[in-house]
């Protein structure tokens, strides 16, 4: 397939780009290259004959029309989004603009392109979203998010993603645009932007700084290794049923405190310091509207498409720590760029 991937220089998008090229697909990477994007994320495939890059904003309708007409993709995988929860609390306007207006603009460009191509049955618009649209769960292992869970977003970020999900569904039901949708749990792995929880903990630990955890660390998340997620997304875009959504989870629930303690233990083993890294753990004032628990029931994607994660959280965390230890030049450049990486980061 020829895939147009929006946000392909970001964390999850770049994993999709790398894996798609590795599987023999052609990829058009469309990215505005805002603060969280980095072309180094796709450097390993940038010289591939099947790779093309377009710097453009998904809110720019003329640019989207031009890119679709020029490259003629078989599918659009829409990952471009503002996704940092703390930033959405500080400045929600960017999240509404990119996640809502941008998705609307891309949907209309896709509808025009699909119509002018004769509405091919093989075309797909794949919208990639988050489990945060479903709100918060009780601490009960029997209760999990399914594709039928009512939406109950609690932050500007999750609200903007919920709005974009509803737009995509509406374009399917109203206009017949062939869409598939996915909602994922918390991702982690190589190339994770330094403001997020896991890289924040790794890098602050190495720097001998306090390791900040919101509240008492009891918030629970289901952790999904980013390369597993990319594999799931490529499965859905090729095999998913039109108009259907699929929840993608890592089947790896951990409290934030457990996660940080695991990271500290891995660092103690791989790069021991003068004292155990867990001694640097510090509890800080909780974030407004902090959801207690996210957990995904992955039954649908497993039963219908035969997909399930291949990496446990312990395996994935060790791979991630090793990657950060081996790629200091990558994360240090991002930390130094415009002061990013100095914020608390998303702690779940």
Foldseek 3Di string as FASTA:
>chain_A
DEEEEEPCQADLNVLLVVVCVVVPYAYEYEYQPPLRGDCVSNVVCCPPPRYHYDNDALLPLVVLLVVCVVPVGQEYEYDDADAFQVVCQVPVPRRLCRLQSSLVSNLVSLLVSCVVVVNDPRYEYEYEAALQQLFADDPDVVDADDQPRDGDHQTSNSVSNNNSVVVVLCCCVPVVHFYEYEHEWAEDAPSHALQAQLNLLLVCLVVVAAREAEDPQQAKTFYAYSNLVSVLSVLCSRFNDTSYYFYATQNAMDGLLRLSLLLQVLCCVPPNDPDRSNVRYDYDHHDPSDHRYHHHDRVVCCVRRVGHGDDYPSRRSNNRSVNCVVPVVVNVVSCPPVNPSPDSHHSD
